[in-house]
Amino acid sequence: MAGPRKAKLLPAPAADSPGEVTYSTALAIRALRDGAADEAQQKLALNWILAEACGKRYFPFRGTDRDTNFALGRFFVAEQIVGLFYVDLSTLRGDLDHVEAQSRTAGRGR
């Protein structure tokens, strides 16, 4: 009987290289920006943001301190977004009035 298979890490691109993007991903990002993304586009856009733009699909430690720091910065953004998936919303409820006031005044400057 063979032992468990070992997972292979994907080779990480250069820490400062942009994420790979497809035509459908670009459309999904634009639809998200415009507030017109359907459910599939929202999921595609968020997955791309986390996996590619933030580099969450790659191990962040690299060959140099500079590259590691850059990759960890991108990774930190992904962790902030993923953290919002699980945050206790009741702890943020007090900020709701402030956010609503900002959104009402944001459109006035345009």
PDB file of N, CA and C in Angstrom:
ATOM      1  N   MET A   1       0.834  -1.184   0.000  1.00  0.00           N
ATOM      2  CA  MET A   1       0.000   0.000   0.000  1.00  0.00           C
ATOM      3  C   MET A   1       0.876   1.244   0.000  1.00  0.00           C
ATOM      4  N   ALA A   2       0.619   2.139  -0.914  1.00  0.00           N
ATOM      5  CA  ALA A   2       1.412   3.353  -1.036  1.00  0.00           C
ATOM      6  C   ALA A   2       1.032   4.346   0.059  1.00  0.00           C
ATOM      7  N   GLY A   3       1.997   5.143   0.462  1.00  0.00           N
ATOM      8  CA  GLY A   3       1.758   6.157   1.483  1.00  0.00           C
ATOM      9  C   GLY A   3       0.966   7.326   0.918  1.00  0.00           C
ATOM     10  N   PRO A   4       0.645   8.289   1.763  1.00  0.00           N
ATOM     11  CA  PRO A   4      -0.127   9.448   1.303  1.00  0.00           C
ATOM     12  C   PRO A   4       0.669  10.259   0.292  1.00  0.00           C
ATOM     13  N   ARG A   5      -0.056  10.812  -0.659  1.00  0.00           N
ATOM     14  CA  ARG A   5       0.597  11.661  -1.668  1.00  0.00           C
ATOM     15  C   ARG A   5       0.953  13.001  -1.048  1.00  0.00           C
ATOM     16  N   LYS A   6       2.086  13.512  -1.425  1.00  0.00           N
ATOM     17  CA  LYS A   6       2.515  14.809  -0.920  1.00  0.00           C
ATOM     18  C   LYS A   6       2.041  15.895  -1.875  1.00  0.00           C
ATOM     19  N   ALA A   7       1.553  16.975  -1.306  1.00  0.00           N
ATOM     20  CA  ALA A   7       1.103  18.103  -2.108  1.00  0.00           C
ATOM     21  C   ALA A   7       2.320  18.805  -2.701  1.00  0.00           C
ATOM     22  N   LYS A   8       2.166  19.265  -3.913  1.00  0.00           N
ATOM     23  CA  LYS A   8       3.236  20.025  -4.561  1.00  0.00           C
ATOM     24  C   LYS A   8       2.883  21.500  -4.523  1.00  0.00           C
ATOM     25  N   LEU A   9       3.852  22.316  -4.134  1.00  0.00           N
ATOM     26  CA  LEU A   9       3.650  23.758  -4.150  1.00  0.00           C
ATOM     27  C   LEU A   9       3.768  24.267  -5.582  1.00  0.00           C
ATOM     28  N   LEU A  10       2.903  25.223  -5.912  1.00  0.00           N
ATOM     29  CA  LEU A  10       3.007  25.854  -7.222  1.00  0.00           C
ATOM     30  C   LEU A  10       4.258  26.720  -7.235  1.00  0.00           C
ATOM     31  N   PRO A  11       4.981  26.749  -8.335  1.00  0.00           N
ATOM     32  CA  PRO A  11       6.124  27.656  -8.393  1.00  0.00           C
ATOM     33  C   PRO A  11       5.618  29.094  -8.353  1.00  0.00           C
ATOM     34  N   ALA A  12       6.128  29.858  -7.433  1.00  0.00           N
ATOM     35  CA  ALA A  12       5.656  31.232  -7.259  1.00  0.00           C
ATOM     36  C   ALA A  12       6.248  32.138  -8.325  1.00  0.00           C
ATOM     37  N   PRO A  13       5.436  33.028  -8.868  1.00  0.00           N
ATOM     38  CA  PRO A  13       5.970  34.024  -9.803  1.00  0.00           C
ATOM     39  C   PRO A  13       6.794  35.052  -9.020  1.00  0.00           C
ATOM     40  N   ALA A  14       7.443  35.950  -9.714  1.00  0.00           N
ATOM     41  CA  ALA A  14       8.187  37.017  -9.046  1.00  0.00           C
ATOM     42  C   ALA A  14       7.244  37.762  -8.110  1.00  0.00           C
ATOM     43  N   ALA A  15       7.728  38.143  -6.952  1.00  0.00           N
ATOM     44  CA  ALA A  15       6.875  38.752  -5.930  1.00  0.00           C
ATOM     45  C   ALA A  15       6.174  40.011  -6.423  1.00  0.00           C
ATOM     46  N   ASP A  16       6.825  40.755  -7.299  1.00  0.00           N
ATOM     47  CA  ASP A  16       6.235  42.014  -7.759  1.00  0.00           C
ATOM     48  C   ASP A  16       5.591  41.911  -9.147  1.00  0.00           C
ATOM     49  N   SER A  17       5.357  40.692  -9.615  1.00  0.00           N
ATOM     50  CA  SER A  17       4.716  40.547 -10.923  1.00  0.00           C
ATOM     51  C   SER A  17       3.198  40.606 -10.753  1.00  0.00           C
ATOM     52  N   PRO A  18       2.512  41.159 -11.739  1.00  0.00           N
ATOM     53  CA  PRO A  18       1.052  41.208 -11.643  1.00  0.00           C
ATOM     54  C   PRO A  18       0.454  39.816 -11.754  1.00  0.00           C
ATOM     55  N   GLY A  19      -0.727  39.636 -11.208  1.00  0.00           N
ATOM     56  CA  GLY A  19      -1.404  38.349 -11.288  1.00  0.00           C
ATOM     57  C   GLY A  19      -1.817  38.034 -12.714  1.00  0.00           C
ATOM     58  N   GLU A  20      -1.875  36.741 -13.031  1.00  0.00           N
ATOM     59  CA  GLU A  20      -2.355  36.331 -14.349  1.00  0.00           C
ATOM     60  C   GLU A  20      -3.823  36.699 -14.467  1.00  0.00           C
ATOM     61  N   VAL A  21      -4.209  37.190 -15.633  1.00  0.00           N
ATOM     62  CA  VAL A  21      -5.597  37.599 -15.825  1.00  0.00           C
ATOM     63  C   VAL A  21      -6.110  37.078 -17.158  1.00  0.00           C
ATOM     64  N   THR A  22      -7.365  36.662 -17.166  1.00  0.00           N
ATOM     65  CA  THR A  22      -8.021  36.227 -18.391  1.00  0.00           C
ATOM     66  C   THR A  22      -9.059  37.277 -18.783  1.00  0.00           C
ATOM     67  N   TYR A  23      -9.567  37.132 -19.988  1.00  0.00           N
ATOM     68  CA  TYR A  23     -10.594  38.045 -20.474  1.00  0.00           C
ATOM     69  C   TYR A  23     -11.820  38.012 -19.560  1.00  0.00           C
ATOM     70  N   SER A  24     -12.270  36.821 -19.180  1.00  0.00           N
ATOM     71  CA  SER A  24     -13.463  36.710 -18.331  1.00  0.00           C
ATOM     72  C   SER A  24     -13.217  37.305 -16.945  1.00  0.00           C
ATOM     73  N   THR A  25     -12.003  37.191 -16.456  1.00  0.00           N
ATOM     74  CA  THR A  25     -11.684  37.799 -15.162  1.00  0.00           C
ATOM     75  C   THR A  25     -11.719  39.314 -15.258  1.00  0.00           C
ATOM     76  N   ALA A  26     -11.159  39.865 -16.332  1.00  0.00           N
ATOM     77  CA  ALA A  26     -11.180  41.314 -16.520  1.00  0.00           C
ATOM     78  C   ALA A  26     -12.624  41.825 -16.622  1.00  0.00           C
ATOM     79  N   LEU A  27     -13.462  41.085 -17.336  1.00  0.00           N
ATOM     80  CA  LEU A  27     -14.876  41.469 -17.429  1.00  0.00           C
ATOM     81  C   LEU A  27     -15.539  41.419 -16.059  1.00  0.00           C
ATOM     82  N   ALA A  28     -15.230  40.391 -15.288  1.00  0.00           N
ATOM     83  CA  ALA A  28     -15.816  40.248 -13.952  1.00  0.00           C
ATOM     84  C   ALA A  28     -15.380  41.393 -13.039  1.00  0.00           C
ATOM     85  N   ILE A  29     -14.117  41.776 -13.106  1.00  0.00           N
ATOM     86  CA  ILE A  29     -13.619  42.882 -12.286  1.00  0.00           C
ATOM     87  C   ILE A  29     -14.314  44.182 -12.676  1.00  0.00           C
ATOM     88  N   ARG A  30     -14.474  44.418 -13.978  1.00  0.00           N
ATOM     89  CA  ARG A  30     -15.171  45.630 -14.425  1.00  0.00           C
ATOM     90  C   ARG A  30     -16.624  45.626 -13.991  1.00  0.00           C
ATOM     91  N   ALA A  31     -17.289  44.470 -14.104  1.00  0.00           N
ATOM     92  CA  ALA A  31     -18.686  44.380 -13.681  1.00  0.00           C
ATOM     93  C   ALA A  31     -18.801  44.618 -12.176  1.00  0.00           C
ATOM     94  N   LEU A  32     -17.845  44.116 -11.416  1.00  0.00           N
ATOM     95  CA  LEU A  32     -17.827  44.345  -9.973  1.00  0.00           C
ATOM     96  C   LEU A  32     -17.676  45.831  -9.678  1.00  0.00           C
ATOM     97  N   ARG A  33     -16.754  46.475 -10.369  1.00  0.00           N
ATOM     98  CA  ARG A  33     -16.525  47.911 -10.199  1.00  0.00           C
ATOM     99  C   ARG A  33     -17.788  48.707 -10.497  1.00  0.00           C
ATOM    100  N   ASP A  34     -18.510  48.291 -11.534  1.00  0.00           N
ATOM    101  CA  ASP A  34     -19.703  49.014 -11.971  1.00  0.00           C
ATOM    102  C   ASP A  34     -20.954  48.647 -11.182  1.00  0.00           C
ATOM    103  N   GLY A  35     -20.827  47.687 -10.258  1.00  0.00           N
ATOM    104  CA  GLY A  35     -21.973  47.256  -9.481  1.00  0.00           C
ATOM    105  C   GLY A  35     -22.949  46.411 -10.274  1.00  0.00           C
ATOM    106  N   ALA A  36     -22.475  45.789 -11.352  1.00  0.00           N
ATOM    107  CA  ALA A  36     -23.352  45.017 -12.233  1.00  0.00           C
ATOM    108  C   ALA A  36     -22.957  43.550 -12.323  1.00  0.00           C
ATOM    109  N   ALA A  37     -22.065  43.085 -11.463  1.00  0.00           N
ATOM    110  CA  ALA A  37     -21.585  41.699 -11.537  1.00  0.00           C
ATOM    111  C   ALA A  37     -22.645  40.734 -11.034  1.00  0.00           C
ATOM    112  N   ASP A  38     -22.870  39.672 -11.813  1.00  0.00           N
ATOM    113  CA  ASP A  38     -23.779  38.628 -11.330  1.00  0.00           C
ATOM    114  C   ASP A  38     -23.011  37.766 -10.321  1.00  0.00           C
ATOM    115  N   GLU A  39     -23.698  36.763  -9.765  1.00  0.00           N
ATOM    116  CA  GLU A  39     -23.069  35.944  -8.715  1.00  0.00           C
ATOM    117  C   GLU A  39     -21.777  35.280  -9.194  1.00  0.00           C
ATOM    118  N   ALA A  40     -21.803  34.711 -10.390  1.00  0.00           N
ATOM    119  CA  ALA A  40     -20.607  34.033 -10.905  1.00  0.00           C
ATOM    120  C   ALA A  40     -19.462  35.021 -11.104  1.00  0.00           C
ATOM    121  N   GLN A  41     -19.758  36.210 -11.599  1.00  0.00           N
ATOM    122  CA  GLN A  41     -18.712  37.220 -11.796  1.00  0.00           C
ATOM    123  C   GLN A  41     -18.160  37.702 -10.464  1.00  0.00           C
ATOM    124  N   GLN A  42     -19.019  37.850  -9.472  1.00  0.00           N
ATOM    125  CA  GLN A  42     -18.544  38.264  -8.151  1.00  0.00           C
ATOM    126  C   GLN A  42     -17.568  37.242  -7.587  1.00  0.00           C
ATOM    127  N   LYS A  43     -17.924  35.967  -7.711  1.00  0.00           N
ATOM    128  CA  LYS A  43     -17.052  34.906  -7.208  1.00  0.00           C
ATOM    129  C   LYS A  43     -15.739  34.853  -7.981  1.00  0.00           C
ATOM    130  N   LEU A  44     -15.813  34.991  -9.298  1.00  0.00           N
ATOM    131  CA  LEU A  44     -14.606  34.982 -10.128  1.00  0.00           C
ATOM    132  C   LEU A  44     -13.698  36.147  -9.763  1.00  0.00           C
ATOM    133  N   ALA A  45     -14.282  37.329  -9.617  1.00  0.00           N
ATOM    134  CA  ALA A  45     -13.498  38.522  -9.286  1.00  0.00           C
ATOM    135  C   ALA A  45     -12.834  38.380  -7.914  1.00  0.00           C
ATOM    136  N   LEU A  46     -13.601  37.936  -6.925  1.00  0.00           N
ATOM    137  CA  LEU A  46     -13.036  37.793  -5.583  1.00  0.00           C
ATOM    138  C   LEU A  46     -11.947  36.723  -5.555  1.00  0.00           C
ATOM    139  N   ASN A  47     -12.180  35.630  -6.244  1.00  0.00           N
ATOM    140  CA  ASN A  47     -11.164  34.580  -6.309  1.00  0.00           C
ATOM    141  C   ASN A  47      -9.881  35.108  -6.946  1.00  0.00           C
ATOM    142  N   TRP A  48     -10.007  35.878  -8.018  1.00  0.00           N
ATOM    143  CA  TRP A  48      -8.818  36.430  -8.675  1.00  0.00           C
ATOM    144  C   TRP A  48      -8.098  37.411  -7.747  1.00  0.00           C
ATOM    145  N   ILE A  49      -8.867  38.261  -7.076  1.00  0.00           N
ATOM    146  CA  ILE A  49      -8.254  39.237  -6.171  1.00  0.00           C
ATOM    147  C   ILE A  49      -7.433  38.520  -5.103  1.00  0.00           C
ATOM    148  N   LEU A  50      -8.022  37.490  -4.501  1.00  0.00           N
ATOM    149  CA  LEU A  50      -7.322  36.771  -3.428  1.00  0.00           C
ATOM    150  C   LEU A  50      -6.166  35.929  -3.949  1.00  0.00           C
ATOM    151  N   ALA A  51      -6.428  35.119  -4.968  1.00  0.00           N
ATOM    152  CA  ALA A  51      -5.428  34.150  -5.425  1.00  0.00           C
ATOM    153  C   ALA A  51      -4.316  34.780  -6.241  1.00  0.00           C
ATOM    154  N   GLU A  52      -4.671  35.663  -7.146  1.00  0.00           N
ATOM    155  CA  GLU A  52      -3.667  36.215  -8.067  1.00  0.00           C
ATOM    156  C   GLU A  52      -3.140  37.579  -7.627  1.00  0.00           C
ATOM    157  N   ALA A  53      -4.034  38.544  -7.451  1.00  0.00           N
ATOM    158  CA  ALA A  53      -3.570  39.894  -7.102  1.00  0.00           C
ATOM    159  C   ALA A  53      -2.890  39.909  -5.737  1.00  0.00           C
ATOM    160  N   CYS A  54      -3.452  39.165  -4.778  1.00  0.00           N
ATOM    161  CA  CYS A  54      -2.871  39.118  -3.429  1.00  0.00           C
ATOM    162  C   CYS A  54      -1.889  37.965  -3.249  1.00  0.00           C
ATOM    163  N   GLY A  55      -1.810  37.075  -4.216  1.00  0.00           N
ATOM    164  CA  GLY A  55      -0.843  35.982  -4.158  1.00  0.00           C
ATOM    165  C   GLY A  55      -1.135  34.926  -3.113  1.00  0.00           C
ATOM    166  N   LYS A  56      -2.396  34.798  -2.697  1.00  0.00           N
ATOM    167  CA  LYS A  56      -2.722  33.861  -1.622  1.00  0.00           C
ATOM    168  C   LYS A  56      -2.512  32.406  -2.032  1.00  0.00           C
ATOM    169  N   ARG A  57      -2.486  32.122  -3.294  1.00  0.00           N
ATOM    170  CA  ARG A  57      -2.311  30.728  -3.709  1.00  0.00           C
ATOM    171  C   ARG A  57      -0.849  30.269  -3.670  1.00  0.00           C
ATOM    172  N   TYR A  58       0.062  31.198  -3.373  1.00  0.00           N
ATOM    173  CA  TYR A  58       1.488  30.870  -3.345  1.00  0.00           C
ATOM    174  C   TYR A  58       2.055  31.037  -1.940  1.00  0.00           C
ATOM    175  N   PHE A  59       3.018  30.226  -1.621  1.00  0.00           N
ATOM    176  CA  PHE A  59       3.748  30.362  -0.359  1.00  0.00           C
ATOM    177  C   PHE A  59       4.486  31.699  -0.394  1.00  0.00           C
ATOM    178  N   PRO A  60       4.318  32.579   0.603  1.00  0.00           N
ATOM    179  CA  PRO A  60       4.852  33.932   0.480  1.00  0.00           C
ATOM    180  C   PRO A  60       6.358  34.083   0.687  1.00  0.00           C
ATOM    181  N   PHE A  61       7.018  33.098   1.265  1.00  0.00           N
ATOM    182  CA  PHE A  61       8.443  33.268   1.527  1.00  0.00           C
ATOM    183  C   PHE A  61       9.252  32.982   0.275  1.00  0.00           C
ATOM    184  N   ARG A  62      10.153  33.914  -0.042  1.00  0.00           N
ATOM    185  CA  ARG A  62      10.921  33.863  -1.287  1.00  0.00           C
ATOM    186  C   ARG A  62      12.409  33.874  -1.002  1.00  0.00           C
ATOM    187  N   GLY A  63      13.191  33.990  -2.051  1.00  0.00           N
ATOM    188  CA  GLY A  63      14.637  33.893  -1.940  1.00  0.00           C
ATOM    189  C   GLY A  63      15.331  35.082  -1.308  1.00  0.00           C
ATOM    190  N   THR A  64      14.724  36.249  -1.358  1.00  0.00           N
ATOM    191  CA  THR A  64      15.350  37.439  -0.766  1.00  0.00           C
ATOM    192  C   THR A  64      14.384  38.079   0.217  1.00  0.00           C
ATOM    193  N   ASP A  65      14.937  38.867   1.131  1.00  0.00           N
ATOM    194  CA  ASP A  65      14.082  39.577   2.082  1.00  0.00           C
ATOM    195  C   ASP A  65      13.125  40.517   1.362  1.00  0.00           C
ATOM    196  N   ARG A  66      13.617  41.203   0.352  1.00  0.00           N
ATOM    197  CA  ARG A  66      12.784  42.138  -0.394  1.00  0.00           C
ATOM    198  C   ARG A  66      11.593  41.423  -1.016  1.00  0.00           C
ATOM    199  N   ASP A  67      11.844  40.306  -1.683  1.00  0.00           N
ATOM    200  CA  ASP A  67      10.762  39.567  -2.330  1.00  0.00           C
ATOM    201  C   ASP A  67       9.796  38.969  -1.311  1.00  0.00           C
ATOM    202  N   THR A  68      10.321  38.479  -0.198  1.00  0.00           N
ATOM    203  CA  THR A  68       9.464  37.950   0.860  1.00  0.00           C
ATOM    204  C   THR A  68       8.584  39.049   1.432  1.00  0.00           C
ATOM    205  N   ASN A  69       9.169  40.207   1.714  1.00  0.00           N
ATOM    206  CA  ASN A  69       8.402  41.319   2.261  1.00  0.00           C
ATOM    207  C   ASN A  69       7.310  41.772   1.297  1.00  0.00           C
ATOM    208  N   PHE A  70       7.635  41.828   0.019  1.00  0.00           N
ATOM    209  CA  PHE A  70       6.657  42.227  -0.986  1.00  0.00           C
ATOM    210  C   PHE A  70       5.515  41.218  -1.030  1.00  0.00           C
ATOM    211  N   ALA A  71       5.851  39.934  -1.073  1.00  0.00           N
ATOM    212  CA  ALA A  71       4.829  38.888  -1.123  1.00  0.00           C
ATOM    213  C   ALA A  71       3.983  38.875   0.144  1.00  0.00           C
ATOM    214  N   LEU A  72       4.598  39.098   1.289  1.00  0.00           N
ATOM    215  CA  LEU A  72       3.850  39.140   2.544  1.00  0.00           C
ATOM    216  C   LEU A  72       2.908  40.337   2.601  1.00  0.00           C
ATOM    217  N   GLY A  73       3.297  41.453   1.989  1.00  0.00           N
ATOM    218  CA  GLY A  73       2.405  42.608   1.906  1.00  0.00           C
ATOM    219  C   GLY A  73       1.152  42.279   1.115  1.00  0.00           C
ATOM    220  N   ARG A  74       1.339  41.618  -0.017  1.00  0.00           N
ATOM    221  CA  ARG A  74       0.191  41.198  -0.818  1.00  0.00           C
ATOM    222  C   ARG A  74      -0.663  40.196  -0.047  1.00  0.00           C
ATOM    223  N   PHE A  75      -0.014  39.274   0.608  1.00  0.00           N
ATOM    224  CA  PHE A  75      -0.690  38.233   1.377  1.00  0.00           C
ATOM    225  C   PHE A  75      -1.513  38.846   2.513  1.00  0.00           C
ATOM    226  N   PHE A  76      -0.978  39.895   3.128  1.00  0.00           N
ATOM    227  CA  PHE A  76      -1.672  40.574   4.220  1.00  0.00           C
ATOM    228  C   PHE A  76      -3.016  41.134   3.752  1.00  0.00           C
ATOM    229  N   VAL A  77      -3.043  41.687   2.557  1.00  0.00           N
ATOM    230  CA  VAL A  77      -4.295  42.218   2.006  1.00  0.00           C
ATOM    231  C   VAL A  77      -5.315  41.090   1.882  1.00  0.00           C
ATOM    232  N   ALA A  78      -4.891  39.932   1.382  1.00  0.00           N
ATOM    233  CA  ALA A  78      -5.792  38.784   1.264  1.00  0.00           C
ATOM    234  C   ALA A  78      -6.311  38.367   2.634  1.00  0.00           C
ATOM    235  N   GLU A  79      -5.446  38.353   3.632  1.00  0.00           N
ATOM    236  CA  GLU A  79      -5.862  37.966   4.976  1.00  0.00           C
ATOM    237  C   GLU A  79      -6.886  38.940   5.540  1.00  0.00           C
ATOM    238  N   GLN A  80      -6.748  40.225   5.227  1.00  0.00           N
ATOM    239  CA  GLN A  80      -7.724  41.210   5.679  1.00  0.00           C
ATOM    240  C   GLN A  80      -9.089  40.941   5.053  1.00  0.00           C
ATOM    241  N   ILE A  81      -9.109  40.644   3.760  1.00  0.00           N
ATOM    242  CA  ILE A  81     -10.368  40.361   3.070  1.00  0.00           C
ATOM    243  C   ILE A  81     -11.000  39.088   3.619  1.00  0.00           C
ATOM    244  N   VAL A  82     -10.224  38.022   3.725  1.00  0.00           N
ATOM    245  CA  VAL A  82     -10.745  36.755   4.232  1.00  0.00           C
ATOM    246  C   VAL A  82     -11.215  36.907   5.675  1.00  0.00           C
ATOM    247  N   GLY A  83     -10.530  37.724   6.448  1.00  0.00           N
ATOM    248  CA  GLY A  83     -10.954  37.964   7.821  1.00  0.00           C
ATOM    249  C   GLY A  83     -12.361  38.541   7.894  1.00  0.00           C
ATOM    250  N   LEU A  84     -12.727  39.350   6.902  1.00  0.00           N
ATOM    251  CA  LEU A  84     -14.071  39.928   6.877  1.00  0.00           C
ATOM    252  C   LEU A  84     -15.147  38.888   6.609  1.00  0.00           C
ATOM    253  N   PHE A  85     -14.772  37.755   6.039  1.00  0.00           N
ATOM    254  CA  PHE A  85     -15.742  36.673   5.836  1.00  0.00           C
ATOM    255  C   PHE A  85     -16.258  36.157   7.179  1.00  0.00           C
ATOM    256  N   TYR A  86     -15.423  36.236   8.211  1.00  0.00           N
ATOM    257  CA  TYR A  86     -15.710  35.601   9.488  1.00  0.00           C
ATOM    258  C   TYR A  86     -15.837  36.573  10.661  1.00  0.00           C
ATOM    259  N   VAL A  87     -15.744  37.859  10.413  1.00  0.00           N
ATOM    260  CA  VAL A  87     -15.791  38.835  11.501  1.00  0.00           C
ATOM    261  C   VAL A  87     -17.180  38.827  12.155  1.00  0.00           C
ATOM    262  N   ASP A  88     -17.194  39.049  13.453  1.00  0.00           N
ATOM    263  CA  ASP A  88     -18.449  39.181  14.188  1.00  0.00           C
ATOM    264  C   ASP A  88     -19.015  40.561  13.856  1.00  0.00           C
ATOM    265  N   LEU A  89     -20.039  40.589  13.029  1.00  0.00           N
ATOM    266  CA  LEU A  89     -20.590  41.858  12.546  1.00  0.00           C
ATOM    267  C   LEU A  89     -21.156  42.716  13.668  1.00  0.00           C
ATOM    268  N   SER A  90     -21.559  42.103  14.764  1.00  0.00           N
ATOM    269  CA  SER A  90     -22.105  42.894  15.866  1.00  0.00           C
ATOM    270  C   SER A  90     -21.041  43.815  16.462  1.00  0.00           C
ATOM    271  N   THR A  91     -19.765  43.454  16.331  1.00  0.00           N
ATOM    272  CA  THR A  91     -18.699  44.323  16.850  1.00  0.00           C
ATOM    273  C   THR A  91     -18.503  45.549  15.974  1.00  0.00           C
ATOM    274  N   LEU A  92     -18.974  45.502  14.748  1.00  0.00           N
ATOM    275  CA  LEU A  92     -18.826  46.621  13.823  1.00  0.00           C
ATOM    276  C   LEU A  92     -20.092  47.462  13.720  1.00  0.00           C
ATOM    277  N   ARG A  93     -21.152  47.032  14.315  1.00  0.00           N
ATOM    278  CA  ARG A  93     -22.454  47.686  14.176  1.00  0.00           C
ATOM    279  C   ARG A  93     -22.397  49.151  14.580  1.00  0.00           C
ATOM    280  N   GLY A  94     -21.584  49.500  15.566  1.00  0.00           N
ATOM    281  CA  GLY A  94     -21.485  50.888  16.021  1.00  0.00           C
ATOM    282  C   GLY A  94     -20.972  51.830  14.952  1.00  0.00           C
ATOM    283  N   ASP A  95     -20.245  51.300  13.984  1.00  0.00           N
ATOM    284  CA  ASP A  95     -19.717  52.133  12.910  1.00  0.00           C
ATOM    285  C   ASP A  95     -20.735  52.373  11.803  1.00  0.00           C
ATOM    286  N   LEU A  96     -21.875  51.726  11.855  1.00  0.00           N
ATOM    287  CA  LEU A  96     -22.849  51.787  10.778  1.00  0.00           C
ATOM    288  C   LEU A  96     -23.325  53.213  10.514  1.00  0.00           C
ATOM    289  N   ASP A  97     -23.633  53.968  11.552  1.00  0.00           N
ATOM    290  CA  ASP A  97     -24.100  55.344  11.358  1.00  0.00           C
ATOM    291  C   ASP A  97     -23.047  56.190  10.668  1.00  0.00           C
ATOM    292  N   HIS A  98     -21.782  56.004  11.061  1.00  0.00           N
ATOM    293  CA  HIS A  98     -20.680  56.753  10.455  1.00  0.00           C
ATOM    294  C   HIS A  98     -20.545  56.417   8.970  1.00  0.00           C
ATOM    295  N   VAL A  99     -20.628  55.149   8.627  1.00  0.00           N
ATOM    296  CA  VAL A  99     -20.499  54.704   7.233  1.00  0.00           C
ATOM    297  C   VAL A  99     -21.656  55.238   6.402  1.00  0.00           C
ATOM    298  N   GLU A 100     -22.873  55.164   6.932  1.00  0.00           N
ATOM    299  CA  GLU A 100     -24.028  55.666   6.201  1.00  0.00           C
ATOM    300  C   GLU A 100     -23.913  57.166   5.968  1.00  0.00           C
ATOM    301  N   ALA A 101     -23.411  57.904   6.942  1.00  0.00           N
ATOM    302  CA  ALA A 101     -23.231  59.351   6.781  1.00  0.00           C
ATOM    303  C   ALA A 101     -22.197  59.640   5.708  1.00  0.00           C
ATOM    304  N   GLN A 102     -21.112  58.861   5.689  1.00  0.00           N
ATOM    305  CA  GLN A 102     -20.088  59.050   4.662  1.00  0.00           C
ATOM    306  C   GLN A 102     -20.637  58.770   3.276  1.00  0.00           C
ATOM    307  N   SER A 103     -21.442  57.718   3.144  1.00  0.00           N
ATOM    308  CA  SER A 103     -21.966  57.371   1.817  1.00  0.00           C
ATOM    309  C   SER A 103     -22.941  58.416   1.324  1.00  0.00           C
ATOM    310  N   ARG A 104     -23.659  59.069   2.219  1.00  0.00           N
ATOM    311  CA  ARG A 104     -24.598  60.134   1.817  1.00  0.00           C
ATOM    312  C   ARG A 104     -23.836  61.354   1.317  1.00  0.00           C
ATOM    313  N   THR A 105     -22.699  61.673   1.945  1.00  0.00           N
ATOM    314  CA  THR A 105     -21.940  62.863   1.549  1.00  0.00           C
ATOM    315  C   THR A 105     -20.957  62.599   0.433  1.00  0.00           C
ATOM    316  N   ALA A 106     -20.631  61.325   0.159  1.00  0.00           N
ATOM    317  CA  ALA A 106     -19.635  60.991  -0.868  1.00  0.00           C
ATOM    318  C   ALA A 106     -20.093  61.430  -2.254  1.00  0.00           C
ATOM    319  N   GLY A 107     -21.350  61.314  -2.562  1.00  0.00           N
ATOM    320  CA  GLY A 107     -21.847  61.655  -3.888  1.00  0.00           C
ATOM    321  C   GLY A 107     -21.919  63.136  -4.140  1.00  0.00           C
ATOM    322  N   ARG A 108     -21.832  63.945  -3.116  1.00  0.00           N
ATOM    323  CA  ARG A 108     -21.949  65.415  -3.259  1.00  0.00           C
ATOM    324  C   ARG A 108     -20.748  66.045  -3.931  1.00  0.00           C
ATOM    325  N   GLY A 109     -19.570  65.437  -3.782  1.00  0.00           N
ATOM    326  CA  GLY A 109     -18.346  66.012  -4.348  1.00  0.00           C
ATOM    327  C   GLY A 109     -18.159  65.723  -5.821  1.00  0.00           C
ATOM    328  N   ARG A 110     -19.014  64.931  -6.402  1.00  0.00           N
ATOM    329  CA  ARG A 110     -18.836  64.560  -7.814  1.00  0.00           C
ATOM    330  C   ARG A 110     -19.480  65.519  -8.753  1.00  0.00           C
TER     331      ARG A 110
END
